[in-house]
């Protein structure tokens, strides 16, 4: 009787590892078939205000072109100071 029990336990262990391996392979195939994530700026990215050196979430920052380069600012005052320089 103990040999039969040992055989059942071995069979269950083998089935467990086979299932584990199949799930691993399925996740690799699923990951390879999905398109890569977007590489654009995230909403919660921080940008540095070059006038007062504070960091502001991009969604809340004011932007302007300064000397032909994009720049972000925490307030209208900082933006105006940068534009006057």
N, C-alpha and C. Protein backbone atom coordinates (compact mmCIF):
# COMPACT_ATOMS: atom_id res chain seq x y z
N UNK A 1 0.81 -1.19 0.00
CA UNK A 1 0.00 0.00 0.00
C UNK A 1 0.86 1.26 0.00
N UNK A 2 1.97 1.26 0.70
CA UNK A 2 2.82 2.45 0.76
C UNK A 2 3.50 2.71 -0.59
N UNK A 3 3.75 1.68 -1.36
CA UNK A 3 4.33 1.88 -2.70
C UNK A 3 3.32 2.57 -3.62
N UNK A 4 2.07 2.21 -3.48
CA UNK A 4 1.02 2.85 -4.29
C UNK A 4 0.88 4.32 -3.93
N UNK A 5 0.96 4.61 -2.63
CA UNK A 5 0.87 5.99 -2.17
C UNK A 5 2.07 6.79 -2.66
N UNK A 6 3.26 6.21 -2.59
CA UNK A 6 4.46 6.89 -3.08
C UNK A 6 4.37 7.15 -4.58
N UNK A 7 3.81 6.22 -5.31
CA UNK A 7 3.63 6.39 -6.76
C UNK A 7 2.65 7.52 -7.06
N UNK A 8 1.58 7.61 -6.31
CA UNK A 8 0.60 8.69 -6.50
C UNK A 8 1.23 10.04 -6.17
N UNK A 9 1.99 10.11 -5.10
CA UNK A 9 2.65 11.36 -4.72
C UNK A 9 3.65 11.79 -5.78
N UNK A 10 4.43 10.85 -6.30
CA UNK A 10 5.38 11.17 -7.37
C UNK A 10 4.66 11.68 -8.61
N UNK A 11 3.56 11.02 -8.95
CA UNK A 11 2.77 11.43 -10.10
C UNK A 11 2.24 12.86 -9.92
N UNK A 12 1.74 13.19 -8.73
CA UNK A 12 1.23 14.53 -8.45
C UNK A 12 2.35 15.58 -8.51
N UNK A 13 3.52 15.23 -8.00
CA UNK A 13 4.66 16.16 -8.04
C UNK A 13 5.08 16.41 -9.49
N UNK A 14 5.12 15.37 -10.29
CA UNK A 14 5.48 15.53 -11.70
C UNK A 14 4.44 16.39 -12.41
N UNK A 15 3.16 16.14 -12.16
CA UNK A 15 2.10 16.96 -12.76
C UNK A 15 2.23 18.43 -12.36
N UNK A 16 2.57 18.66 -11.07
CA UNK A 16 2.75 20.03 -10.60
C UNK A 16 3.86 20.74 -11.37
N UNK A 17 4.99 20.09 -11.54
CA UNK A 17 6.11 20.71 -12.25
C UNK A 17 5.84 20.87 -13.74
N UNK A 18 5.11 19.94 -14.32
CA UNK A 18 4.72 20.09 -15.73
C UNK A 18 3.82 21.30 -15.90
N UNK A 19 2.83 21.43 -15.00
CA UNK A 19 1.93 22.59 -15.08
C UNK A 19 2.70 23.89 -14.86
N UNK A 20 3.61 23.89 -13.91
CA UNK A 20 4.42 25.07 -13.64
C UNK A 20 5.22 25.46 -14.88
N UNK A 21 5.82 24.50 -15.53
CA UNK A 21 6.60 24.76 -16.74
C UNK A 21 5.73 25.27 -17.87
N UNK A 22 4.55 24.69 -18.05
CA UNK A 22 3.64 25.15 -19.11
C UNK A 22 3.15 26.57 -18.86
N UNK A 23 2.87 26.91 -17.61
CA UNK A 23 2.45 28.28 -17.31
C UNK A 23 3.58 29.27 -17.57
N UNK A 24 4.80 28.86 -17.25
CA UNK A 24 5.96 29.72 -17.51
C UNK A 24 6.12 29.96 -19.01
N UNK A 25 6.02 28.91 -19.80
CA UNK A 25 6.13 29.05 -21.25
C UNK A 25 4.99 29.89 -21.82
N UNK A 26 3.79 29.72 -21.29
CA UNK A 26 2.64 30.51 -21.76
C UNK A 26 2.84 31.99 -21.46
N UNK A 27 3.42 32.31 -20.31
CA UNK A 27 3.65 33.72 -19.98
C UNK A 27 4.73 34.32 -20.88
N UNK A 28 5.73 33.53 -21.26
CA UNK A 28 6.76 34.02 -22.18
C UNK A 28 6.15 34.30 -23.55
N UNK A 29 5.32 33.39 -24.04
CA UNK A 29 4.68 33.58 -25.34
C UNK A 29 3.74 34.77 -25.29
N UNK A 30 2.97 34.91 -24.22
CA UNK A 30 2.04 36.04 -24.08
C UNK A 30 2.81 37.36 -24.04
N UNK A 31 3.93 37.40 -23.34
CA UNK A 31 4.73 38.62 -23.26
C UNK A 31 5.36 38.97 -24.59
N UNK A 32 5.77 37.97 -25.36
CA UNK A 32 6.39 38.22 -26.65
C UNK A 32 5.38 38.69 -27.69
N UNK A 33 4.13 38.31 -27.52
CA UNK A 33 3.13 38.68 -28.52
C UNK A 33 2.52 40.04 -28.26
N UNK A 34 2.72 40.63 -27.07
CA UNK A 34 2.16 41.95 -26.77
C UNK A 34 3.08 43.03 -27.32
N UNK A 35 2.51 44.13 -27.80
CA UNK A 35 3.35 45.23 -28.29
C UNK A 35 4.09 45.89 -27.13
N UNK A 36 5.24 46.49 -27.41
CA UNK A 36 5.99 47.14 -26.34
C UNK A 36 5.21 48.34 -25.78
N UNK A 37 5.49 48.66 -24.54
CA UNK A 37 4.81 49.77 -23.89
C UNK A 37 5.21 51.09 -24.54
N UNK A 38 4.32 52.05 -24.45
CA UNK A 38 4.60 53.38 -25.00
C UNK A 38 5.78 54.01 -24.26
N UNK A 39 6.62 54.73 -24.99
CA UNK A 39 7.81 55.32 -24.38
C UNK A 39 7.68 56.82 -24.20
N UNK A 40 6.51 57.37 -24.40
CA UNK A 40 6.30 58.80 -24.24
C UNK A 40 6.37 59.20 -22.78
N UNK A 41 6.30 60.50 -22.51
CA UNK A 41 6.37 60.95 -21.12
C UNK A 41 5.14 60.49 -20.34
N UNK A 42 5.36 60.07 -19.13
CA UNK A 42 4.26 59.65 -18.28
C UNK A 42 3.63 60.88 -17.65
N UNK A 43 2.41 60.74 -17.21
CA UNK A 43 1.69 61.87 -16.63
C UNK A 43 2.35 62.32 -15.34
N UNK A 44 2.90 61.39 -14.58
CA UNK A 44 3.47 61.74 -13.29
C UNK A 44 4.97 62.05 -13.35
N UNK A 45 5.53 62.24 -14.54
CA UNK A 45 6.93 62.64 -14.66
C UNK A 45 7.14 64.01 -14.03
N UNK A 46 8.29 64.17 -13.40
CA UNK A 46 8.63 65.47 -12.82
C UNK A 46 9.54 66.22 -13.78
N UNK A 47 9.33 67.53 -13.85
CA UNK A 47 10.20 68.39 -14.66
C UNK A 47 10.77 69.46 -13.74
N UNK A 48 11.97 69.93 -14.07
CA UNK A 48 12.64 70.91 -13.22
C UNK A 48 12.42 72.32 -13.75
N UNK A 49 12.02 73.19 -12.84
CA UNK A 49 11.93 74.61 -13.15
C UNK A 49 13.35 75.15 -13.07
N UNK A 50 13.89 75.63 -14.21
CA UNK A 50 15.29 76.06 -14.24
C UNK A 50 15.53 77.40 -13.57
N UNK A 51 14.48 78.13 -13.21
CA UNK A 51 14.65 79.42 -12.53
C UNK A 51 14.82 79.20 -11.03
N UNK A 52 13.88 78.50 -10.41
CA UNK A 52 13.94 78.32 -8.95
C UNK A 52 14.36 76.91 -8.54
N UNK A 53 14.68 76.05 -9.51
CA UNK A 53 15.17 74.69 -9.27
C UNK A 53 14.22 73.81 -8.46
N UNK A 54 12.92 74.00 -8.64
CA UNK A 54 11.96 73.11 -8.02
C UNK A 54 11.49 72.09 -9.05
N UNK A 55 11.02 70.97 -8.57
CA UNK A 55 10.48 69.93 -9.45
C UNK A 55 8.96 69.97 -9.37
N UNK A 56 8.34 69.91 -10.54
CA UNK A 56 6.89 70.03 -10.66
C UNK A 56 6.39 68.87 -11.51
N UNK A 57 5.22 68.28 -11.17
CA UNK A 57 4.66 67.27 -12.07
C UNK A 57 4.38 67.88 -13.44
N UNK A 58 4.73 67.16 -14.48
CA UNK A 58 4.59 67.67 -15.85
C UNK A 58 3.16 68.13 -16.13
N UNK A 59 2.18 67.45 -15.56
CA UNK A 59 0.78 67.80 -15.82
C UNK A 59 0.43 69.17 -15.26
N UNK A 60 1.11 69.62 -14.21
CA UNK A 60 0.82 70.92 -13.59
C UNK A 60 1.77 72.02 -14.02
N UNK A 61 2.84 71.70 -14.70
CA UNK A 61 3.87 72.68 -15.04
C UNK A 61 3.43 73.55 -16.22
N UNK A 62 3.89 74.79 -16.20
CA UNK A 62 3.71 75.69 -17.34
C UNK A 62 4.89 75.49 -18.28
N UNK A 63 4.64 75.54 -19.57
CA UNK A 63 5.74 75.33 -20.51
C UNK A 63 5.89 76.53 -21.42
N UNK A 64 7.09 76.71 -21.92
CA UNK A 64 7.40 77.80 -22.85
C UNK A 64 8.67 77.44 -23.60
N UNK A 65 8.87 78.06 -24.74
CA UNK A 65 10.11 77.91 -25.50
C UNK A 65 11.08 79.00 -25.05
N UNK A 66 12.22 78.60 -24.54
CA UNK A 66 13.25 79.55 -24.10
C UNK A 66 14.49 79.28 -24.93
N UNK A 67 14.88 80.25 -25.74
CA UNK A 67 16.04 80.13 -26.64
C UNK A 67 15.89 78.90 -27.55
N UNK A 68 14.66 78.66 -28.01
CA UNK A 68 14.40 77.57 -28.93
C UNK A 68 14.29 76.19 -28.28
N UNK A 69 14.40 76.11 -26.97
CA UNK A 69 14.32 74.84 -26.26
C UNK A 69 13.07 74.82 -25.38
N UNK A 70 12.39 73.68 -25.27
CA UNK A 70 11.24 73.61 -24.37
C UNK A 70 11.70 73.68 -22.91
N UNK A 71 10.94 74.40 -22.10
CA UNK A 71 11.25 74.53 -20.67
C UNK A 71 9.94 74.50 -19.89
N UNK A 72 10.01 74.03 -18.65
CA UNK A 72 8.84 73.93 -17.80
C UNK A 72 9.06 74.75 -16.55
N UNK A 73 7.97 75.31 -16.02
CA UNK A 73 8.06 76.23 -14.89
C UNK A 73 6.96 75.94 -13.89
N UNK A 74 7.24 76.31 -12.63
CA UNK A 74 6.28 76.08 -11.56
C UNK A 74 5.24 77.18 -11.48
N UNK A 75 5.55 78.37 -11.99
CA UNK A 75 4.62 79.50 -11.90
C UNK A 75 4.82 80.44 -13.08
N UNK A 76 3.89 81.35 -13.23
CA UNK A 76 4.00 82.35 -14.29
C UNK A 76 5.18 83.28 -14.03
N UNK A 77 5.46 83.57 -12.74
CA UNK A 77 6.59 84.43 -12.40
C UNK A 77 7.91 83.84 -12.85
N UNK A 78 8.11 82.56 -12.61
CA UNK A 78 9.35 81.91 -13.04
C UNK A 78 9.43 81.87 -14.56
N UNK A 79 8.31 81.61 -15.22
CA UNK A 79 8.31 81.58 -16.68
C UNK A 79 8.67 82.96 -17.25
N UNK A 80 8.08 84.01 -16.67
CA UNK A 80 8.37 85.36 -17.15
C UNK A 80 9.82 85.73 -16.92
N UNK A 81 10.39 85.34 -15.76
CA UNK A 81 11.80 85.63 -15.49
C UNK A 81 12.70 84.92 -16.50
N UNK A 82 12.38 83.71 -16.86
CA UNK A 82 13.19 82.97 -17.84
C UNK A 82 13.08 83.58 -19.22
N UNK A 83 11.91 84.07 -19.60
CA UNK A 83 11.72 84.66 -20.90
C UNK A 83 12.43 86.01 -21.03
N UNK A 84 12.64 86.69 -19.91
CA UNK A 84 13.33 87.98 -19.94
C UNK A 84 14.85 87.83 -19.98
N UNK A 85 15.36 86.69 -19.63
CA UNK A 85 16.82 86.49 -19.59
C UNK A 85 17.39 86.38 -20.98
